[in-house]
Protein backbone atom coordinates (compact mmCIF):
# COMPACT_ATOMS: atom_id res chain seq x y z
CA MET A 1 177.88 117.33 -32.70
CA LYS A 2 175.62 114.49 -31.95
CA LEU A 3 172.93 115.06 -34.06
CA LEU A 4 175.75 115.07 -37.03
CA ARG A 5 177.34 112.49 -35.89
CA SER A 6 173.38 110.51 -35.37
CA MET A 7 171.95 111.36 -38.94
CA VAL A 8 175.82 110.03 -39.67
CA LEU A 9 174.66 106.35 -38.51
CA TRP A 10 171.46 106.65 -40.16
CA TRP A 11 172.55 107.41 -43.55
CA LEU A 12 175.01 104.38 -43.32
CA ALA A 13 172.47 102.49 -42.22
CA ALA A 14 169.69 103.47 -44.99
CA SER A 15 172.66 102.67 -47.26
CA ILE A 16 173.53 99.28 -45.93
CA MET A 17 170.11 98.46 -46.46
CA LEU A 18 169.40 99.74 -49.87
CA PHE A 19 172.52 98.00 -50.99
CA SER A 20 171.54 94.58 -49.18
CA ALA A 21 168.08 94.72 -50.60
CA ALA A 22 169.36 95.98 -54.46
CA GLN A 23 171.71 93.09 -54.04
CA ALA A 24 169.05 90.80 -53.31
CA GLN A 25 167.32 91.56 -56.00
CA GLY A 26 169.69 92.16 -58.32
CA ASN A 27 170.91 88.13 -57.74
CA ALA A 28 166.63 86.65 -57.55
CA ALA A 29 166.70 88.61 -61.28
CA SER A 30 169.93 86.98 -62.31
CA SER A 31 168.64 83.05 -61.52
CA PRO A 32 167.03 81.51 -63.45
CA PRO A 33 163.81 80.00 -63.53
CA PRO A 34 163.41 75.78 -63.16
CA PHE A 35 163.29 74.74 -66.30
CA LYS A 36 159.16 74.11 -67.48
CA ALA A 37 157.85 71.04 -68.60
CA GLU A 38 157.97 71.50 -71.89
CA GLU A 39 161.66 72.87 -71.77
CA LEU A 40 162.79 68.87 -69.75
CA ASP A 41 160.67 67.28 -73.04
CA ALA A 42 162.71 69.36 -75.89
CA LEU A 43 165.98 68.18 -73.79
CA LEU A 44 165.12 64.56 -73.05
CA ALA A 45 163.63 64.43 -76.35
CA PRO A 46 167.07 63.00 -78.34
CA ILE A 47 167.85 60.09 -75.61
CA ALA A 48 164.37 59.06 -73.96
CA LEU A 49 164.19 56.24 -75.98
CA TYR A 50 167.71 54.67 -74.49
CA PRO A 51 167.33 51.96 -72.55
CA ASP A 52 166.90 52.95 -68.64
CA SER A 53 170.35 52.34 -67.60
CA LEU A 54 172.24 54.10 -70.34
CA LEU A 55 169.94 56.51 -69.62
CA THR A 56 170.61 57.46 -66.31
CA GLN A 57 174.58 57.31 -66.93
CA ILE A 58 173.67 59.92 -69.83
CA LEU A 59 172.74 62.42 -66.92
CA MET A 60 174.90 61.80 -64.26
CA ALA A 61 177.57 62.31 -66.80
CA SER A 62 176.02 65.33 -68.18
CA THR A 63 177.09 67.01 -65.04
CA TYR A 64 180.79 66.83 -65.13
CA PRO A 65 180.99 68.39 -69.50
CA LEU A 66 184.64 68.90 -68.28
CA GLU A 67 184.89 65.44 -68.32
CA VAL A 68 182.77 64.55 -71.55
CA VAL A 69 185.48 66.64 -73.34
CA GLN A 70 188.11 64.51 -72.44
CA ALA A 71 186.29 61.31 -72.86
CA ALA A 72 185.19 61.77 -76.38
CA ARG A 73 188.52 63.07 -77.37
CA TRP A 74 189.86 60.04 -76.07
CA SER A 75 188.02 58.03 -77.86
CA LYS A 76 187.89 59.61 -81.08
CA ALA A 77 191.53 59.01 -80.35
CA ASN A 78 190.65 55.17 -79.70
CA PRO A 79 188.29 54.40 -82.80
CA LYS A 80 188.48 51.30 -82.42
CA LEU A 81 187.31 51.14 -78.97
CA SER A 82 184.30 50.37 -77.55
CA GLY A 83 182.08 48.73 -74.95
CA ASP A 84 183.87 46.70 -72.04
CA ALA A 85 186.88 46.62 -73.97
CA ALA A 86 187.10 51.11 -74.17
CA VAL A 87 186.29 51.11 -70.25
CA ARG A 88 188.62 48.51 -69.23
CA LYS A 89 191.50 51.16 -70.81
CA VAL A 90 190.05 54.44 -69.02
CA GLU A 91 190.21 52.54 -65.61
CA ASN A 92 193.26 55.35 -64.79
CA GLU A 93 191.81 58.43 -66.38
CA PRO A 94 190.81 60.34 -63.03
CA TRP A 95 187.15 61.16 -64.54
CA ASP A 96 183.53 60.46 -62.72
CA VAL A 97 182.72 56.78 -63.25
CA SER A 98 179.30 57.63 -65.05
CA VAL A 99 181.96 59.43 -67.72
CA LYS A 100 184.32 56.57 -67.65
CA SER A 101 181.85 54.43 -68.46
CA LEU A 102 180.54 56.38 -71.80
CA VAL A 103 183.33 55.66 -73.33
CA ALA A 104 181.62 52.21 -74.12
CA PHE A 105 179.38 54.02 -76.09
CA PRO A 106 181.24 56.48 -78.47
CA ASN A 107 178.34 57.80 -80.23
CA VAL A 108 177.36 59.48 -77.64
CA LEU A 109 179.83 60.81 -76.15
CA GLU A 110 180.13 62.48 -80.17
CA MET A 111 176.65 63.82 -79.43
CA MET A 112 177.46 64.75 -75.60
CA ASN A 113 181.02 66.69 -76.73
CA GLU A 114 179.10 68.12 -79.84
CA LYS A 115 176.34 69.28 -78.15
CA LEU A 116 177.32 71.19 -75.28
CA ASP A 117 175.51 73.27 -74.52
CA TRP A 118 172.87 70.77 -74.49
CA THR A 119 174.88 68.41 -72.49
CA GLN A 120 175.54 71.16 -69.59
CA LYS A 121 171.58 72.16 -69.80
CA LEU A 122 170.83 68.61 -69.23
CA GLY A 123 172.79 68.39 -66.22
CA ASP A 124 172.45 71.10 -64.40
CA ALA A 125 168.40 69.85 -65.51
CA PHE A 126 169.22 66.88 -63.38
CA LEU A 127 171.13 68.36 -60.91
CA ALA A 128 168.06 70.88 -59.99
CA GLN A 129 165.28 69.09 -61.26
CA GLN A 130 166.12 65.71 -61.24
CA GLN A 131 162.20 64.34 -60.68
CA ASP A 132 161.13 67.19 -63.39
CA VAL A 133 163.07 65.34 -65.13
CA MET A 134 162.24 61.32 -65.10
CA ALA A 135 157.97 62.43 -65.25
CA ALA A 136 160.12 64.09 -68.75
CA VAL A 137 161.67 60.86 -70.04
CA GLN A 138 158.28 59.64 -69.10
CA ARG A 139 155.78 61.71 -71.03
CA LEU A 140 158.45 60.88 -73.74
CA ARG A 141 157.95 57.73 -73.82
CA GLN A 142 153.97 57.61 -73.35
CA ARG A 143 153.80 59.87 -76.83
CA ALA A 144 156.02 57.08 -79.03
CA GLN A 145 154.39 54.43 -77.72
CA ALA A 146 150.65 56.18 -78.66
CA SER A 147 152.25 56.96 -82.07
CA GLY A 148 153.71 53.26 -82.83
CA HIS A 149 157.18 53.94 -82.56
CA LEU A 150 158.41 52.63 -79.17
CA GLU A 151 157.63 48.44 -79.16
CA SER A 152 160.01 45.55 -78.22
CA ASN A 153 162.01 44.42 -80.59
CA ALA A 154 165.41 41.98 -81.16
CA GLN A 155 167.32 45.19 -79.62
CA GLN A 156 164.61 45.86 -76.81
CA VAL A 157 162.11 44.75 -74.07
CA VAL A 158 159.62 47.50 -74.01
CA LYS A 159 157.60 46.36 -70.10
CA THR A 160 155.48 49.00 -68.43
CA GLU A 161 155.38 49.03 -64.11
CA THR A 162 152.53 50.25 -62.54
CA GLN A 163 152.22 53.51 -64.60
CA TYR A 164 156.03 53.70 -65.57
CA ILE A 165 157.41 52.96 -69.07
CA VAL A 166 160.83 50.58 -68.51
CA ILE A 167 163.09 50.25 -71.97
CA GLU A 168 165.86 47.57 -71.08
CA PRO A 169 168.49 45.20 -73.38
CA ALA A 170 166.59 42.12 -75.00
CA GLN A 171 170.24 40.51 -74.40
CA PRO A 172 171.91 41.79 -71.04
CA GLN A 173 175.01 41.93 -72.36
CA THR A 174 174.67 43.87 -75.99
CA ILE A 175 173.55 47.23 -75.44
CA TYR A 176 171.90 48.77 -78.07
CA VAL A 177 171.74 52.37 -79.47
CA PRO A 178 168.84 53.98 -81.55
CA ALA A 179 168.93 56.31 -83.67
CA TYR A 180 165.87 58.84 -84.30
CA ASN A 181 164.29 61.30 -85.59
CA PRO A 182 162.56 63.46 -82.67
CA THR A 183 160.39 64.98 -84.94
CA VAL A 184 159.42 61.33 -86.22
CA VAL A 185 158.87 59.14 -83.06
CA TYR A 186 157.14 61.56 -80.75
CA GLY A 187 154.36 62.43 -83.70
CA ALA A 188 152.81 66.05 -83.39
CA TRP A 189 155.11 68.24 -81.45
CA PRO A 190 152.26 69.98 -78.84
CA TYR A 191 155.35 72.74 -77.69
CA PRO A 192 155.68 74.76 -81.08
CA THR A 193 157.55 77.22 -78.61
CA TYR A 194 159.94 74.66 -78.03
CA PRO A 195 160.46 72.22 -80.38
CA PRO A 196 162.79 69.20 -79.79
CA TYR A 197 166.29 68.79 -79.64
CA TYR A 198 167.98 66.78 -82.55
CA TYR A 199 171.16 66.65 -83.20
CA PRO A 200 171.74 65.37 -87.25
CA GLY A 201 174.26 63.34 -87.11
CA VAL A 202 172.39 60.88 -85.62
CA ALA A 203 171.71 59.98 -89.42
CA ALA A 204 174.97 59.40 -90.08
CA TRP A 205 175.68 56.69 -87.35
CA TYR A 206 174.13 53.67 -88.83
CA PRO A 207 174.86 54.10 -92.59
CA GLY A 208 172.37 52.01 -94.70
CA THR A 209 169.26 52.80 -92.53
CA ALA A 210 166.89 55.39 -92.15
CA LEU A 211 165.01 57.78 -89.62
CA VAL A 212 162.11 58.36 -91.97
CA SER A 213 160.19 54.89 -90.16
CA GLY A 214 161.46 55.37 -86.49
CA LEU A 215 163.74 53.75 -85.24
CA ALA A 216 167.60 53.16 -86.69
CA TRP A 217 169.54 50.37 -84.98
CA GLY A 218 172.99 49.47 -85.74
CA VAL A 219 175.83 46.52 -84.13
CA GLY A 220 175.05 46.28 -80.87
CA PHE A 221 177.63 47.48 -77.68
CA ALA A 222 179.08 44.57 -75.80
CA ALA A 223 178.84 46.98 -72.96
CA ALA A 224 177.49 45.05 -70.34
CA GLY A 225 180.13 45.39 -67.66
CA ALA A 226 179.70 49.37 -68.21
CA ILE A 227 176.36 49.60 -66.59
CA PHE A 228 175.85 50.41 -63.22
CA GLY A 229 172.64 52.54 -63.11
CA GLY A 230 169.50 52.64 -63.25
CA TRP A 231 166.18 53.93 -62.32
CA ASN A 232 163.95 53.74 -59.95
CA TRP A 233 160.86 55.06 -61.36
CA GLY A 234 158.10 54.81 -57.92
CA HIS A 235 160.44 57.29 -55.48
CA GLY A 236 162.14 59.28 -58.39
CA ASP A 237 165.74 58.73 -58.03
CA VAL A 238 168.93 56.72 -59.39
CA ASP A 239 170.37 53.56 -57.74
CA ILE A 240 173.75 52.76 -58.13
CA ASP A 241 175.22 49.05 -57.99
CA ILE A 242 178.33 49.51 -56.24
CA ASN A 243 180.02 46.38 -56.62
CA ARG A 244 179.45 47.17 -60.97
CA ALA A 245 181.00 50.81 -60.58
CA THR A 246 183.93 49.83 -59.07
CA ASN A 247 184.48 47.31 -61.19
CA ILE A 248 184.52 50.27 -63.89
CA ASP A 249 186.64 52.71 -60.94
CA ARG A 250 187.94 51.44 -57.82
CA ASN A 251 188.55 54.90 -56.53
CA PHE A 252 184.66 54.38 -56.20
CA THR A 253 182.82 53.63 -52.57
CA ARG A 254 179.74 54.11 -50.90
CA ASN A 255 180.80 57.46 -50.17
CA ASN A 256 180.37 58.55 -53.81
CA THR A 257 176.81 57.51 -52.92
CA ASN A 258 174.10 58.42 -49.93
CA VAL A 259 173.73 55.53 -47.66
CA SER A 260 170.43 53.86 -49.50
CA ASN A 261 172.99 53.87 -52.72
CA LYS A 262 171.27 56.04 -54.29
CA TRP A 263 173.24 58.63 -56.83
CA GLN A 264 175.36 61.83 -55.73
CA HIS A 265 176.78 64.67 -57.77
CA ASN A 266 180.17 64.81 -57.17
CA PRO A 267 181.39 68.51 -57.59
CA GLN A 268 185.27 67.24 -57.44
CA HIS A 269 184.54 66.31 -61.25
CA ARG A 270 182.75 69.33 -61.98
CA GLY A 271 185.72 71.47 -62.13
CA ASN A 272 185.42 74.86 -63.02
CA VAL A 273 182.36 74.92 -64.27
CA GLY A 274 179.20 76.91 -62.69
CA TYR A 275 176.66 75.74 -61.35
CA ARG A 276 172.76 77.21 -63.08
CA ASP A 277 170.86 77.77 -59.98
CA PRO A 278 171.48 78.75 -56.80
CA ALA A 279 170.33 76.35 -54.81
CA SER A 280 173.35 73.95 -56.29
CA ARG A 281 175.34 76.52 -56.20
CA GLU A 282 174.74 76.41 -52.06
CA ARG A 283 174.73 72.84 -52.04
CA TYR A 284 177.69 72.30 -53.84
CA ALA A 285 180.44 75.02 -53.11
CA SER A 286 181.90 73.85 -49.97
CA GLN A 287 182.33 70.59 -51.70
CA ARG A 288 184.38 72.54 -54.64
CA PRO A 289 188.29 72.22 -55.30
CA ALA A 290 189.63 75.50 -53.97
CA ALA A 291 190.40 76.53 -57.79
CA ALA A 292 187.08 75.59 -58.60
CA ASP A 293 185.98 78.43 -55.84
CA ARG A 294 187.42 81.04 -57.40
CA GLY A 295 186.34 80.38 -60.78
CA GLU A 296 182.64 80.11 -59.84
CA TYR A 297 180.42 83.13 -61.27
CA ARG A 298 176.53 83.78 -59.94
CA GLY A 299 173.40 83.26 -62.75
CA ARG A 300 173.96 83.48 -65.95
CA ASP A 301 177.63 84.26 -65.64
CA GLY A 302 178.19 80.78 -64.46
CA GLU A 303 177.55 80.23 -68.56
CA ARG A 304 180.02 81.85 -69.27
CA GLY A 305 182.55 79.85 -66.77
CA THR A 306 181.62 77.21 -68.30
CA ARG A 307 182.16 78.06 -71.57
CA ASP A 308 185.63 79.83 -71.19
CA ASN A 309 186.63 76.79 -69.21
CA LEU A 310 185.67 74.48 -71.78
CA GLY A 311 186.88 76.71 -74.45
CA GLY A 312 190.81 76.30 -72.45
CA GLU A 313 189.79 72.78 -71.66
CA ARG A 314 190.09 72.45 -75.89
CA GLY A 315 193.33 74.05 -76.53
CA ALA A 316 195.12 72.70 -73.67
CA HIS A 317 194.57 69.13 -74.80
CA ARG A 318 194.83 70.23 -78.80
CA ASP A 319 197.84 67.97 -79.25
CA THR A 320 196.24 64.46 -78.23
CA LEU A 321 193.07 64.65 -80.72
CA PRO A 322 193.68 63.21 -84.34
CA GLY A 323 192.46 64.80 -87.25
CA GLU A 324 192.39 67.99 -88.95
CA ARG A 325 193.81 70.97 -87.66
CA GLY A 326 191.67 73.43 -89.38
CA GLY A 327 189.08 71.68 -87.36
CA ASP A 328 190.62 71.79 -83.99
CA ARG A 329 191.73 75.67 -84.86
CA ALA A 330 187.54 76.23 -85.58
CA ASP A 331 186.14 74.47 -83.06
CA ARG A 332 188.12 77.38 -80.23
CA SER A 333 188.18 80.31 -82.79
CA GLY A 334 184.49 79.63 -84.20
CA GLN A 335 182.92 79.62 -80.53
CA ARG A 336 184.48 82.64 -78.94
CA ASP A 337 180.84 83.80 -77.88
CA GLY A 338 179.61 80.10 -76.48
CA LEU A 339 180.61 76.51 -75.67
CA PRO A 340 183.30 75.23 -78.09
CA SER A 341 180.08 72.44 -80.08
CA HIS A 342 180.68 71.79 -83.73
CA GLY A 343 177.31 72.60 -84.96
CA ASP A 344 173.99 72.75 -83.53
CA PHE A 345 170.85 71.13 -82.94
CA ASP A 346 168.25 71.02 -84.82
CA ARG A 347 165.03 72.72 -83.31
CA GLY A 348 162.53 73.10 -85.62
CA GLY A 349 164.66 75.69 -87.80
CA GLN A 350 164.98 77.87 -85.45
CA ARG A 351 168.74 78.65 -84.55
CA ASN A 352 169.72 78.29 -80.98
CA ASN A 353 171.52 81.59 -79.50
CA ALA A 354 174.03 79.38 -77.40
CA PHE A 355 175.66 78.52 -80.48
CA GLU A 356 176.06 82.20 -81.81
CA GLY A 357 180.00 81.99 -83.19
CA VAL A 358 179.48 78.81 -85.38
CA GLY A 359 179.73 80.69 -88.97
CA ASN A 360 182.79 81.84 -87.76
CA GLY A 361 183.91 78.38 -87.17
CA ASN A 362 182.82 76.83 -90.14
CA ARG A 363 185.08 79.48 -92.19
CA ASP A 364 188.35 78.27 -90.04
CA LEU A 365 186.83 74.25 -90.93
CA ASP A 366 187.09 75.56 -94.28
CA ARG A 367 190.79 76.62 -94.17
CA GLY A 368 191.84 74.34 -92.18
CA ARG A 369 190.59 72.13 -94.75
CA ALA A 370 192.06 73.64 -97.74
CA SER A 371 195.18 73.46 -96.04
CA THR A 372 195.01 70.05 -95.05
CA SER A 373 193.92 69.37 -98.65
CA GLN A 374 196.92 70.70 -100.09
CA MET A 375 199.41 68.68 -97.13
CA GLN A 376 197.86 65.79 -99.49
CA ARG A 377 198.34 66.72 -102.66
CA THR A 378 202.38 68.42 -101.92
CA GLY A 379 203.24 64.25 -99.87
CA GLY A 380 203.14 65.91 -96.32
CA HIS A 381 206.23 68.07 -96.48
CA ASN A 382 207.02 69.35 -93.27
CA LEU A 383 205.60 71.93 -91.99
CA GLY A 384 206.85 75.18 -89.90
CA GLY A 385 209.05 73.95 -86.92
CA GLY A 386 210.20 70.52 -87.92
CA GLY A 387 206.51 68.71 -88.17
CA SER A 388 205.11 67.15 -90.80
CA TYR A 389 201.91 65.61 -91.87
CA GLN A 390 200.66 61.96 -91.88
CA ARG A 391 197.41 60.98 -94.28
CA PRO A 392 194.43 60.27 -92.06
CA SER A 393 193.67 56.70 -91.98
CA GLY A 394 191.65 53.98 -90.38
CA GLY A 395 188.36 55.50 -91.13
CA SER A 396 186.98 58.01 -93.55
CA SER A 397 185.39 60.64 -92.32
CA ARG A 398 181.97 61.68 -91.62
CA ASN A 399 180.47 65.34 -92.11
CA PHE A 400 177.16 66.00 -89.75
CA SER A 401 174.99 68.89 -90.51
CA GLY A 402 171.80 69.94 -90.09
CA SER A 403 169.31 72.32 -90.73
CA GLY A 404 170.18 74.07 -87.23
CA GLY A 405 173.65 74.62 -88.10
CA GLY A 406 176.38 73.04 -89.89
CA GLY A 407 178.03 70.63 -88.06
CA GLY A 408 181.90 69.99 -88.41
CA ALA A 409 183.94 67.63 -89.71
CA ARG A 410 185.14 64.25 -87.78
CA ALA A 411 188.42 63.27 -89.00
CA GLY A 412 187.79 59.38 -89.08
CA GLY A 413 190.25 56.97 -87.46
CA GLY A 414 194.21 57.74 -84.91
CA GLY A 415 195.14 59.91 -87.99
CA GLY A 416 197.90 62.17 -87.70
CA ARG A 417 198.18 65.93 -87.85
CA GLY A 418 199.79 69.02 -88.90
CA GLY A 419 202.97 70.57 -86.58
CA ARG A 420 203.00 73.39 -85.35
CA ARG A 421 202.97 76.78 -86.73
């Protein structure tokens, strides 16, 4: 009897050890490796030539993709607001201060919202490999400078401090956001396997300008009050101006930074979006709301959790968006297997698997457009449920497309939308 009991105990102990080993191996296999230097260069290519302060705030905001979606919706619903005027209007929104600051730059928010897969990867990289991200920015700036496309002008001041290239606004009160094609400004791209991300929509930011010769410039944003962050290149981190941040968000305090006023991620603004790497999950899990903890996924499943949550976020706020009902429907149905995005970055002709499902979205979008066109011809007759259709106004529709995938139509101004079906 004792022998039998000993054998059972031995068998249980061995089983537990084997299970633990298999679980550890499985967790290791499911955890993606760190981003390689060439991957980071491809990720940072669309924004590495932005002014330092704006670039840091984009990276901070990218760690809160759900709030980026909400801020982009707000921006679309308020098309006449930008710069400091827009920032003042979102003072009472519950978003992180970095997200609030970006309503000053609606074209930037547009890109981040349209390309949520890219935005999330950008945030993941910044959280886990901040110094590597900074090194990638410097490599890209060196390439742009060597190719003759990065220099001081009426919009920016480009200077070298020690071994770092710094980009600052030429006029502190006015921030200019350049539009450019990475395949042009950086010269010959050295990583054929990792071509640079590119959002074709930037070509429509400044109508009448050409991107073939380098950087294109539009009207600057009066957004000095929206700037509160900046690189500390020598130390590999981001400095926060507490007073400026507090002017944007009265709830921002020194508790939101470390003792040296360096930026630190706030998991309370992350929602149910999972973290890509185990170190970030372990670091921030205890600081997240209980609901977020229940929604957390491990490894690659975290990305699926993000997709589901972002998709639900879009659906939950569909009534707040002006524009075409069909386009909204495309966002939800066309991206079932990926983050809800309106199109692909062009990556040297290679389709990114993260954007699978866009074809279905485009078909729904076409049906939505046809429905909108029919309502316009019939003079906005009442729809089922008592709703009515109003003709979009306050701006023209812009269509973004590129070789990487189809772009969705963006309805101009604060146009009305169809009633519920």
